[in-house]
Protein backbone atom coordinates (compact mmCIF):
# COMPACT_ATOMS: atom_id res chain seq x y z
CA MET A 1 9.38 -25.59 19.26
CA TYR A 2 6.82 -22.78 19.06
CA ARG A 3 6.26 -20.06 21.62
CA VAL A 4 3.03 -18.13 21.88
CA VAL A 5 3.37 -14.30 22.24
CA GLU A 6 0.75 -11.71 22.62
CA ILE A 7 0.64 -8.64 20.42
CA GLU A 8 0.81 -5.68 22.81
CA GLU A 9 0.77 -2.77 20.34
CA ILE A 10 0.35 -2.29 16.59
CA ILE A 11 1.65 0.78 14.80
CA LYS A 12 0.80 1.60 11.16
CA GLU A 13 4.08 2.84 9.75
CA THR A 14 3.13 3.21 6.02
CA PRO A 15 0.11 2.28 3.93
CA THR A 16 1.60 -1.23 3.56
CA ILE A 17 3.70 -1.75 6.70
CA LYS A 18 2.58 -2.40 10.29
CA THR A 19 4.75 -2.91 13.35
CA PHE A 20 3.70 -5.59 15.88
CA PHE A 21 5.16 -5.29 19.40
CA PHE A 22 5.42 -8.29 21.78
CA ARG A 23 7.51 -9.66 24.62
CA ASP A 24 9.79 -12.67 24.38
CA GLU A 25 12.78 -13.85 26.39
CA THR A 26 15.08 -14.64 23.46
CA GLN A 27 17.98 -12.35 22.66
CA PRO A 28 18.28 -11.97 18.85
CA SER A 29 21.12 -10.21 17.16
CA PRO A 30 20.42 -7.51 14.53
CA GLY A 31 19.75 -9.22 11.17
CA GLN A 32 18.44 -12.55 12.62
CA PHE A 33 14.90 -13.68 11.87
CA TYR A 34 12.06 -15.71 13.32
CA MET A 35 9.46 -18.04 11.74
CA ILE A 36 5.94 -16.83 12.41
CA TRP A 37 3.14 -19.36 12.24
CA LEU A 38 -0.47 -18.35 11.81
CA PRO A 39 -2.48 -21.60 12.32
CA GLY A 40 -4.54 -22.52 9.34
CA VAL A 41 -2.97 -19.78 7.19
CA ASP A 42 0.81 -19.89 6.67
CA GLU A 43 4.26 -19.87 8.20
CA PHE A 44 6.82 -17.31 7.04
CA PRO A 45 10.15 -15.76 8.10
CA MET A 46 10.34 -12.24 9.57
CA SER A 47 13.35 -10.21 10.58
CA ILE A 48 13.29 -8.53 13.99
CA SER A 49 12.84 -4.72 13.81
CA TYR A 50 13.09 -3.81 17.49
CA ILE A 51 15.28 -5.51 20.06
CA GLY A 52 14.97 -4.92 23.72
CA GLU A 53 12.43 -5.49 26.57
CA ARG A 54 9.80 -5.28 23.88
CA LYS A 55 10.52 -6.74 20.41
CA ALA A 56 8.73 -6.20 17.17
CA PHE A 57 8.20 -7.34 13.64
CA SER A 58 7.58 -4.73 10.98
CA VAL A 59 5.52 -6.54 8.34
CA LYS A 60 4.93 -5.48 4.70
CA LEU A 61 1.66 -6.58 3.14
CA VAL A 62 2.75 -8.89 0.36
CA GLY A 63 0.76 -12.21 0.49
CA GLU A 64 -1.79 -14.38 2.26
CA GLY A 65 0.17 -14.73 5.51
CA THR A 66 1.06 -11.05 5.83
CA ARG A 67 -2.53 -10.11 4.84
CA LYS A 68 -3.79 -12.18 7.79
CA MET A 69 -1.21 -10.71 10.14
CA HIS A 70 -2.31 -7.18 9.13
CA SER A 71 -5.86 -8.14 10.15
CA LEU A 72 -4.83 -8.98 13.74
CA SER A 73 -5.53 -6.76 16.64
CA GLU A 74 -3.74 -5.96 19.96
CA GLY A 75 -4.27 -8.85 22.26
CA ASP A 76 -4.20 -11.47 19.46
CA ARG A 77 -1.46 -14.11 19.60
CA LEU A 78 1.39 -15.17 17.31
CA TRP A 79 3.20 -18.55 17.28
CA ILE A 80 6.92 -18.01 16.76
CA ARG A 81 10.17 -19.98 16.64
CA GLY A 82 13.68 -18.69 16.50
CA PRO A 83 15.77 -16.56 16.28
CA TYR A 84 17.57 -18.15 13.40
CA GLY A 85 20.39 -17.38 10.96
CA ARG A 86 23.47 -15.22 10.97
CA GLY A 87 23.04 -11.53 11.76
CA PHE A 88 25.24 -8.48 10.99
CA VAL A 89 28.83 -8.34 12.09
CA GLU A 90 29.57 -5.07 13.73
CA LYS A 91 32.93 -3.62 12.59
CA ASN A 92 34.83 -0.63 13.76
CA LYS A 93 34.60 1.10 10.32
CA LYS A 94 32.93 4.24 9.12
CA ALA A 95 29.56 2.89 8.10
CA LEU A 96 26.77 3.79 5.68
CA PHE A 97 23.52 1.98 6.23
CA VAL A 98 21.25 1.64 3.11
CA GLY A 99 17.69 0.38 3.54
CA GLY A 100 15.17 0.01 0.74
CA GLY A 101 11.50 -0.27 1.43
CA SER A 102 10.76 -2.76 4.22
CA GLY A 103 14.45 -3.62 4.26
CA MET A 104 14.77 -0.80 6.82
CA ALA A 105 13.13 -3.08 9.38
CA THR A 106 16.06 -5.46 9.27
CA LEU A 107 18.71 -2.73 9.50
CA ALA A 108 17.06 -0.61 12.23
CA PRO A 109 18.32 -2.55 15.32
CA LEU A 110 21.82 -2.45 13.93
CA ILE A 111 21.68 1.26 13.21
CA GLU A 112 20.67 1.89 16.82
CA ARG A 113 23.76 0.01 18.03
CA MET A 114 26.36 1.56 15.74
CA ARG A 115 27.50 4.94 14.43
CA GLY A 116 27.08 5.92 10.79
CA ASP A 117 25.01 7.69 8.23
CA VAL A 118 21.67 6.31 6.99
CA VAL A 119 20.06 6.14 3.55
CA ILE A 120 16.31 5.36 3.60
CA ALA A 121 14.80 4.68 0.18
CA ALA A 122 11.36 3.88 -1.07
CA ARG A 123 9.22 4.18 -4.17
CA THR A 124 7.36 7.19 -2.74
CA LYS A 125 7.44 9.28 0.47
CA GLU A 126 4.39 7.52 1.86
CA GLU A 127 6.44 4.23 2.01
CA LEU A 128 9.47 5.61 3.78
CA LEU A 129 10.00 3.45 6.89
CA PHE A 130 11.45 4.80 10.15
CA LYS A 131 12.64 8.12 8.73
CA ARG A 132 12.29 9.76 12.18
CA ARG A 133 13.53 6.86 14.29
CA PHE A 134 17.31 7.52 14.18
CA LYS A 135 18.51 10.43 16.29
CA ASN A 136 21.78 12.36 16.25
CA ARG A 137 22.97 11.19 12.81
CA ARG A 138 22.68 12.14 9.21
CA VAL A 139 19.67 10.59 7.46
CA TYR A 140 19.39 10.90 3.66
CA ILE A 141 16.13 10.14 1.83
CA ALA A 142 15.72 8.79 -1.71
CA THR A 143 12.41 8.23 -3.50
CA ASP A 144 11.93 6.78 -6.99
CA ASP A 145 9.37 9.47 -7.78
CA GLY A 146 11.11 12.34 -6.13
CA SER A 147 8.26 12.99 -3.73
CA GLU A 148 10.81 13.41 -0.86
CA GLY A 149 14.55 13.84 -0.75
CA PHE A 150 16.76 12.68 -3.65
CA ARG A 151 14.90 11.77 -6.84
CA GLY A 152 16.25 8.42 -8.00
CA PHE A 153 17.35 5.01 -6.76
CA ALA A 154 19.25 4.32 -3.55
CA HIS A 155 22.45 3.29 -5.27
CA GLU A 156 22.52 6.56 -7.24
CA LEU A 157 22.34 8.56 -3.99
CA VAL A 158 25.06 6.30 -2.44
CA GLU A 159 27.34 7.08 -5.41
CA ARG A 160 26.92 10.81 -4.66
CA LEU A 161 27.55 10.42 -1.00
CA LEU A 162 30.74 8.42 -1.70
CA GLU A 163 32.12 11.39 -3.55
CA GLU A 164 31.77 13.49 -0.44
CA ASN A 165 32.49 10.97 2.37
CA GLU A 166 35.06 8.31 3.08
CA TYR A 167 32.84 5.40 4.11
CA GLU A 168 34.58 2.07 4.74
CA ILE A 169 31.62 -0.28 4.95
CA ILE A 170 28.00 -0.48 3.63
CA TYR A 171 25.39 -2.39 5.51
CA THR A 172 22.23 -3.00 3.39
CA CYS A 173 18.89 -4.65 3.17
CA GLY A 174 16.19 -4.12 0.59
CA PRO A 175 15.20 -5.05 -2.99
CA GLU A 176 17.71 -7.48 -4.44
CA LEU A 177 18.40 -5.40 -7.54
CA MET A 178 19.27 -2.48 -5.21
CA MET A 179 21.69 -4.58 -3.19
CA ARG A 180 23.29 -6.01 -6.40
CA LYS A 181 24.08 -2.45 -7.44
CA LEU A 182 25.58 -1.66 -4.04
CA ILE A 183 27.73 -4.76 -4.04
CA ASP A 184 29.09 -3.78 -7.46
CA ILE A 185 29.81 -0.26 -6.12
CA ALA A 186 31.55 -1.73 -3.12
CA ILE A 187 33.70 -4.01 -5.27
CA GLU A 188 34.59 -1.11 -7.63
CA ARG A 189 35.57 1.20 -4.80
CA GLY A 190 37.21 -1.31 -2.55
CA LEU A 191 34.65 -0.95 0.28
CA ASP A 192 33.49 -3.62 2.66
CA ILE A 193 29.81 -4.62 2.56
CA GLN A 194 27.32 -6.79 4.30
CA ALA A 195 23.85 -7.55 2.89
CA SER A 196 20.84 -9.26 4.30
CA LEU A 197 19.26 -11.44 1.59
CA GLU A 198 15.65 -12.54 1.20
CA ARG A 199 14.73 -15.83 -0.30
CA LEU A 200 11.68 -18.19 -0.05
CA MET A 201 12.12 -19.95 3.28
CA LYS A 202 9.96 -22.96 4.19
CA CYS A 203 11.77 -24.38 7.22
CA GLY A 204 14.21 -21.74 8.46
CA ILE A 205 16.68 -24.33 9.70
CA GLY A 206 18.56 -25.53 6.55
CA ILE A 207 16.56 -28.68 5.70
CA CYS A 208 14.42 -27.87 2.68
CA ASP A 209 16.99 -25.94 0.57
CA SER A 210 14.18 -23.77 -0.90
CA CYS A 211 16.27 -20.65 -0.02
CA SER A 212 19.50 -21.70 -1.67
CA ILE A 213 21.52 -19.39 -3.84
CA ASN A 214 24.73 -20.45 -5.52
CA GLY A 215 25.13 -23.29 -2.98
CA TYR A 216 24.43 -21.20 0.11
CA ARG A 217 21.34 -21.60 2.25
CA VAL A 218 20.06 -18.17 3.21
CA CYS A 219 18.37 -19.39 6.39
CA VAL A 220 21.55 -20.81 8.01
CA ASP A 221 24.47 -19.49 6.09
CA GLY A 222 22.83 -16.08 6.13
CA PRO A 223 20.59 -14.15 5.86
CA VAL A 224 23.41 -11.66 6.32
CA PHE A 225 26.40 -12.34 4.11
CA GLU A 226 29.73 -10.60 3.98
CA LYS A 227 31.62 -9.33 0.88
CA ASP A 228 33.71 -12.39 0.17
CA ILE A 229 30.67 -14.59 -0.20
CA LEU A 230 28.47 -11.98 -1.97
CA ILE A 231 31.09 -11.73 -4.67
CA GLU A 232 30.64 -15.44 -5.36
CA MET A 233 26.84 -15.20 -5.79
CA SER A 234 26.38 -14.95 -9.55
CA ASP A 235 22.56 -15.41 -9.19
CA LEU A 236 22.18 -12.45 -6.82
CA GLY A 237 20.15 -9.73 -8.51
CA ARG A 238 19.66 -11.87 -11.57
CA TYR A 239 17.69 -15.03 -10.54
CA THR A 240 15.38 -16.07 -7.77
CA ARG A 241 13.48 -19.31 -7.15
CA ASP A 242 9.76 -19.99 -7.26
CA ARG A 243 7.90 -22.16 -4.73
CA ALA A 244 8.83 -25.22 -6.74
CA GLY A 245 12.48 -24.35 -6.62
CA ARG A 246 12.86 -23.37 -10.27
CA ARG A 247 15.35 -20.59 -11.13
CA VAL A 248 13.41 -17.62 -12.57
CA PRO A 249 14.84 -14.34 -13.79
CA LEU A 250 14.33 -11.26 -11.65
């Protein structure tokens, strides 16, 4: 079930995010994820941030497993399985890509395959991910503290852009509250939208139900969901689940 891959290169993207490059024969779609196992430490899901001859995970430091991963060096090994889940559906519509924080890692392979404008958002300029990666397109920056680009939240910048551009679809990944705002905007304005959701995943293959939201299992029904299903998710942006499966307010 697991494959062992060697870390070929590590790039420090921000103070809290590192990208780990490796080689693997699988062919993931943008938005799919893998399960990474660090023996004796933890197993956790991670979206793919580069697709090609070399693949990569861009990992934000958030807990024990990612802390261990950040301590690894080039030449160290990872145990992985996957890819899993449903990725993004590419549509022939004028697109706006909106990534918040480490959510840009999930969107990046899709952005490189499609046309469209990009919004990169973070709390502060030091945490902006991949702001120089996307060539020959318009890239807009939003920071909560105004240290670079638009001062404010991603959805506020999106509302301004929608006054000036006729976008037809939003692709998004990032903090759940941000995506909830974007879904509401899409509903109000009659736009299409796809969102990649993050929930606690223990198995990655639909058995444990720890990642469920309103009857959908994020690991197999998602992690990318389209508008018609997102509209049904009353918990989205309002409740999550702890490790015991209890609903807790966001």
